[in-house]
Amino acid sequence: MGTPGEIEVKQLGRAVHVRIATGANDGLLIGRKGETLEALQHVILRMAGKRLGDRIGSVRVDVSGYR
């Protein structure tokens, strides 16, 4: 996206928590009623599932405390 930001990823067992902070552009990642954030979370889960297989159970994405 060409937007500077910070990403923090933590794995707790089979769950992966991703925290994203971009400052003024957080709304772009959250979207209307969180729809973009939900889609981003789904894409990250699918990508992680391909790479990690059954070692991953869930992915939770948070943008600047929205979730």
Protein backbone atom coordinates (compact mmCIF):
# COMPACT_ATOMS: atom_id res chain seq x y z
CA MET A 1 0.00 0.00 0.00
CA GLY A 2 2.99 2.27 0.34
CA THR A 3 1.93 3.30 3.83
CA PRO A 4 4.44 3.19 6.68
CA GLY A 5 3.35 1.26 9.73
CA GLU A 6 4.17 -1.30 12.37
CA ILE A 7 3.26 -4.98 12.40
CA GLU A 8 3.60 -7.27 15.40
CA VAL A 9 2.95 -11.02 15.12
CA LYS A 10 2.63 -13.37 18.08
CA GLN A 11 1.90 -17.08 18.02
CA LEU A 12 0.19 -18.56 21.05
CA GLY A 13 -0.15 -22.28 20.52
CA ARG A 14 -2.01 -22.72 17.24
CA ALA A 15 -3.41 -19.16 17.30
CA VAL A 16 -1.66 -16.29 15.55
CA HIS A 17 -2.31 -12.68 16.59
CA VAL A 18 -1.36 -9.90 14.18
CA ARG A 19 -1.35 -6.25 15.30
CA ILE A 20 -1.11 -3.54 12.65
CA ALA A 21 -0.73 0.20 13.25
CA THR A 22 -0.49 2.68 10.38
CA GLY A 23 -1.62 5.85 12.11
CA ALA A 24 -3.69 8.05 9.83
CA ASN A 25 -4.45 5.21 7.36
CA ASP A 26 -5.93 2.70 9.78
CA GLY A 27 -9.38 3.31 8.36
CA LEU A 28 -8.28 1.90 5.00
CA LEU A 29 -7.41 -1.44 6.63
CA ILE A 30 -10.49 -1.54 8.84
CA GLY A 31 -13.00 -0.59 6.14
CA ARG A 32 -16.70 -0.05 6.54
CA LYS A 33 -17.93 -1.87 9.67
CA GLY A 34 -14.67 -3.85 9.71
CA GLU A 35 -15.35 -5.58 6.39
CA THR A 36 -11.87 -4.93 4.96
CA LEU A 37 -10.26 -6.08 8.20
CA GLU A 38 -12.34 -9.28 8.10
CA ALA A 39 -11.22 -9.93 4.50
CA LEU A 40 -7.59 -9.23 5.38
CA GLN A 41 -7.82 -11.66 8.29
CA HIS A 42 -9.24 -14.34 5.97
CA VAL A 43 -6.45 -13.85 3.41
CA ILE A 44 -3.77 -14.05 6.12
CA LEU A 45 -5.35 -17.24 7.50
CA ARG A 46 -5.34 -18.86 4.04
CA MET A 47 -1.72 -17.83 3.40
CA ALA A 48 -0.57 -19.06 6.80
CA GLY A 49 -2.51 -22.30 6.35
CA LYS A 50 -0.70 -23.03 3.10
CA ARG A 51 2.66 -22.47 4.71
CA LEU A 52 2.05 -23.94 8.19
CA GLY A 53 -0.61 -26.56 7.47
CA ASP A 54 -2.32 -27.95 10.55
CA ARG A 55 0.09 -26.13 12.89
CA ILE A 56 -2.17 -23.09 12.68
CA GLY A 57 -5.67 -22.99 14.09
CA SER A 58 -6.76 -19.38 13.90
CA VAL A 59 -5.59 -15.91 12.93
CA ARG A 60 -6.75 -12.73 14.65
CA VAL A 61 -5.88 -9.40 13.05
CA ASP A 62 -6.22 -6.14 14.98
CA VAL A 63 -5.73 -2.69 13.49
CA SER A 64 -4.88 -0.08 16.14
CA GLY A 65 -7.11 -1.59 18.80
CA TYR A 66 -10.22 -1.89 16.62
CA ARG A 67 -10.57 -5.48 17.86
